[in-house]
Protein backbone atom coordinates (compact mmCIF):
# COMPACT_ATOMS: atom_id res chain seq x y z
CA MET A 1 138.17 26.81 -28.14
CA ALA A 2 140.41 24.29 -26.38
CA THR A 3 142.73 22.72 -28.92
CA LYS A 4 144.83 19.58 -28.98
CA GLY A 5 147.93 21.75 -29.43
CA ASN A 6 147.17 23.78 -26.30
CA PHE A 7 146.44 20.57 -24.39
CA SER A 8 149.71 18.96 -25.46
CA THR A 9 151.82 22.04 -24.74
CA THR A 10 150.26 22.54 -21.31
CA LYS A 11 150.71 18.86 -20.47
CA THR A 12 154.42 19.01 -21.37
CA VAL A 13 155.05 22.16 -19.32
CA VAL A 14 153.10 20.78 -16.36
CA LYS A 15 155.11 17.55 -16.48
CA MET A 16 158.35 19.53 -16.29
CA HIS A 17 157.00 21.56 -13.38
CA ASN A 18 155.75 18.46 -11.56
CA VAL A 19 159.10 16.67 -11.84
CA PHE A 20 160.83 19.77 -10.46
CA ALA A 21 158.23 20.17 -7.70
CA GLN A 22 158.50 16.51 -6.69
CA THR A 23 162.28 16.91 -6.42
CA VAL A 24 161.89 20.05 -4.30
CA ALA A 25 159.29 18.32 -2.10
CA GLU A 26 161.77 15.52 -1.41
CA GLU A 27 164.22 18.14 -0.10
CA ILE A 28 161.97 20.55 1.82
CA GLY A 29 158.66 18.72 2.23
CA MET A 30 155.37 18.83 0.36
CA THR A 31 153.72 21.48 2.55
CA ARG A 32 156.49 24.03 2.04
CA THR A 33 156.73 23.19 -1.66
CA LEU A 34 153.00 23.81 -2.10
CA GLU A 35 153.26 27.11 -0.24
CA LEU A 36 156.11 28.27 -2.46
CA SER A 37 154.39 27.04 -5.61
CA ALA A 38 151.24 29.01 -4.76
CA LYS A 39 153.11 32.33 -4.59
CA PRO A 40 153.82 32.70 -8.33
CA MET A 41 150.25 31.58 -9.06
CA GLU A 42 148.99 34.41 -6.85
CA LYS A 43 151.25 36.90 -8.64
CA MET A 44 150.06 35.70 -12.04
CA GLY A 45 146.42 35.98 -10.94
CA MET A 46 146.99 39.49 -9.66
CA ALA A 47 148.70 40.58 -12.87
CA GLN A 48 146.09 39.00 -15.13
CA GLY A 49 143.22 40.43 -13.07
CA TYR A 50 144.76 43.88 -13.17
CA LEU A 51 145.18 43.74 -16.96
CA VAL A 52 141.62 42.53 -17.51
CA LYS A 53 140.22 45.27 -15.29
CA GLN A 54 142.21 47.91 -17.18
CA GLN A 55 141.11 46.62 -20.58
CA LYS A 56 137.45 46.06 -19.77
CA ARG A 57 136.92 49.31 -17.85
CA ILE A 58 134.27 47.63 -15.69
CA LYS A 59 134.32 48.87 -12.10
CA ASN A 60 132.69 45.92 -10.37
CA PHE A 61 132.59 42.56 -12.11
CA ASN A 62 129.99 40.00 -11.10
CA ALA A 63 130.12 36.25 -11.67
CA HIS A 64 128.30 36.61 -14.99
CA ASP A 65 130.90 39.13 -16.24
CA VAL A 66 133.70 36.74 -15.29
CA ALA A 67 132.28 33.64 -17.04
CA PRO A 68 133.74 34.37 -20.50
CA LEU A 69 137.11 35.26 -18.97
CA VAL A 70 137.27 31.93 -17.14
CA ARG A 71 136.42 30.11 -20.37
CA ILE A 72 139.21 31.90 -22.26
CA ALA A 73 141.74 31.17 -19.51
CA TYR A 74 140.85 27.47 -19.43
CA GLU A 75 140.72 27.00 -23.17
CA SER A 76 144.13 28.67 -23.60
CA LEU A 77 145.50 25.78 -21.49
CA GLY A 78 143.63 23.18 -23.54
CA ILE A 79 141.16 22.48 -20.73
CA ARG A 80 137.74 21.51 -21.99
CA LEU A 81 134.99 22.84 -19.78
CA LYS A 82 131.27 23.19 -19.80
CA ILE A 83 129.59 26.09 -18.08
CA VAL A 84 126.71 24.33 -16.34
CA GLN A 85 124.98 27.24 -14.70
CA VAL A 86 125.45 31.00 -14.82
CA SER A 87 123.68 33.63 -12.77
CA PRO A 88 124.72 37.15 -11.80
CA ARG A 89 126.10 35.75 -8.52
CA SER A 90 127.49 32.34 -9.43
CA ILE A 91 128.98 30.17 -12.15
CA LEU A 92 129.32 26.40 -11.99
CA VAL A 93 131.64 24.71 -14.49
CA LYS A 94 132.56 21.11 -15.21
CA CYS A 95 136.10 20.49 -16.38
CA ASN A 96 136.39 17.39 -18.50
CA ARG A 97 139.62 16.92 -20.44
CA CYS A 98 142.42 18.47 -18.36
CA PRO A 99 146.11 18.48 -19.34
CA ILE A 100 147.14 19.23 -15.76
CA TYR A 101 145.43 16.11 -14.43
CA THR A 102 146.63 14.02 -17.38
CA ALA A 103 150.26 15.11 -16.94
CA ALA A 104 150.24 14.29 -13.24
CA ARG A 105 148.66 10.86 -13.79
CA GLU A 106 151.21 10.06 -16.51
CA LEU A 107 153.94 10.79 -13.94
CA GLY A 108 152.29 8.36 -11.51
CA MET A 109 150.90 10.94 -9.08
CA ASP A 110 147.91 9.87 -6.99
CA ASP A 111 144.65 11.80 -7.01
CA ASP A 112 145.10 13.31 -3.52
CA THR A 113 148.45 14.81 -4.54
CA ILE A 114 147.06 16.06 -7.84
CA GLU A 115 144.19 17.74 -6.01
CA MET A 116 146.64 19.49 -3.66
CA TRP A 117 148.61 20.77 -6.66
CA CYS A 118 145.45 21.95 -8.42
CA ARG A 119 144.35 23.86 -5.33
CA ALA A 120 147.78 25.51 -4.95
CA GLY A 121 148.12 26.12 -8.70
CA ARG A 122 145.33 26.76 -11.18
CA ILE A 123 142.57 27.09 -8.58
CA ARG A 124 144.63 29.62 -6.60
CA LEU A 125 145.50 31.58 -9.74
CA ILE A 126 141.87 31.89 -10.84
CA ASP A 127 140.74 32.76 -7.29
CA VAL A 128 143.24 35.62 -7.07
CA LEU A 129 142.34 36.76 -10.59
CA VAL A 130 138.60 36.98 -9.86
CA LYS A 131 139.32 38.76 -6.55
CA GLN A 132 141.17 41.43 -8.54
CA LEU A 133 137.97 41.96 -10.50
CA ASN A 134 135.70 41.89 -7.45
CA PRO A 135 136.97 41.19 -3.90
CA ASP A 136 133.61 39.56 -3.07
CA LEU A 137 134.10 36.80 -5.66
CA VAL A 138 135.54 33.43 -4.65
CA PHE A 139 136.74 30.69 -6.99
CA ARG A 140 136.80 27.20 -5.54
CA LEU A 141 136.99 23.55 -6.34
CA VAL A 142 133.64 21.98 -5.50
CA LYS A 143 134.37 18.41 -6.61
CA PHE A 144 137.67 16.88 -7.62
CA ARG A 145 137.40 14.13 -10.22
CA PRO A 146 137.43 10.68 -8.61
CA ASN A 147 139.09 9.16 -11.71
CA SER A 148 140.41 10.12 -15.13
CA GLU A 149 137.09 9.48 -16.88
CA ASP A 150 135.18 11.82 -14.57
CA PHE A 151 135.25 15.61 -14.24
CA CYS A 152 135.95 18.36 -11.72
CA GLU A 153 133.35 20.92 -10.72
CA GLU A 154 134.47 24.44 -9.93
CA GLU A 155 132.51 27.56 -9.17
CA ILE A 156 132.74 31.29 -8.80
CA VAL A 157 130.41 32.69 -6.16
CA GLU A 158 129.83 36.13 -4.73
CA MET A 159 130.23 36.37 -0.96
CA ILE A 160 128.35 38.79 1.29
CA ASP A 161 129.84 40.11 4.50
CA LEU A 162 127.57 39.65 7.53
CA GLY A 163 129.95 41.16 10.01
CA PRO A 164 133.35 40.41 11.48
CA THR A 165 132.84 36.67 11.99
CA LEU A 166 130.14 35.65 9.52
CA SER A 167 129.89 35.42 5.79
CA PHE A 168 127.34 33.84 3.50
CA VAL A 169 127.72 32.43 0.01
CA LYS A 170 125.36 33.97 -2.52
CA SER A 171 124.80 30.89 -4.60
CA GLU A 172 121.82 29.08 -5.97
CA TYR A 173 123.56 25.81 -5.04
CA PHE A 174 123.31 26.40 -1.29
CA GLN A 175 119.69 27.50 -0.96
């Protein structure tokens, strides 16, 4: 369960990171800063995915298998989410109370910048993590919150390969 303590701790750490990242972006540019920031997120996702796969002893995770793991990861950060829909091939979640968004807004960051940081940070981490569990799974931001009272929608979907240039999303949301 997401707690106020987890929320507060995450918000504080994210604020420190954001101040550092803003300073770096002033020196080397936002694009390069985002690229560099994404690298440790990828490494964390790989490490966490590897550990989960070793502990669970499941050979091929599907979206349904990943749902409780996503919940645990989010709640450990104090993020309140609601799993809206779960099927063997897709999960749609709504993220309500988010310490990452709150920290950025408290520092005066605009929503476009916050969205870029989310995509390079938490979204990237979870995407790499689920790919460690099943390379056909994709984690993505479907809808970024338009204001602090709203929510983000994110999903995990299973992709199918239709050849060298085509792919198709296996998701109830695109039928």
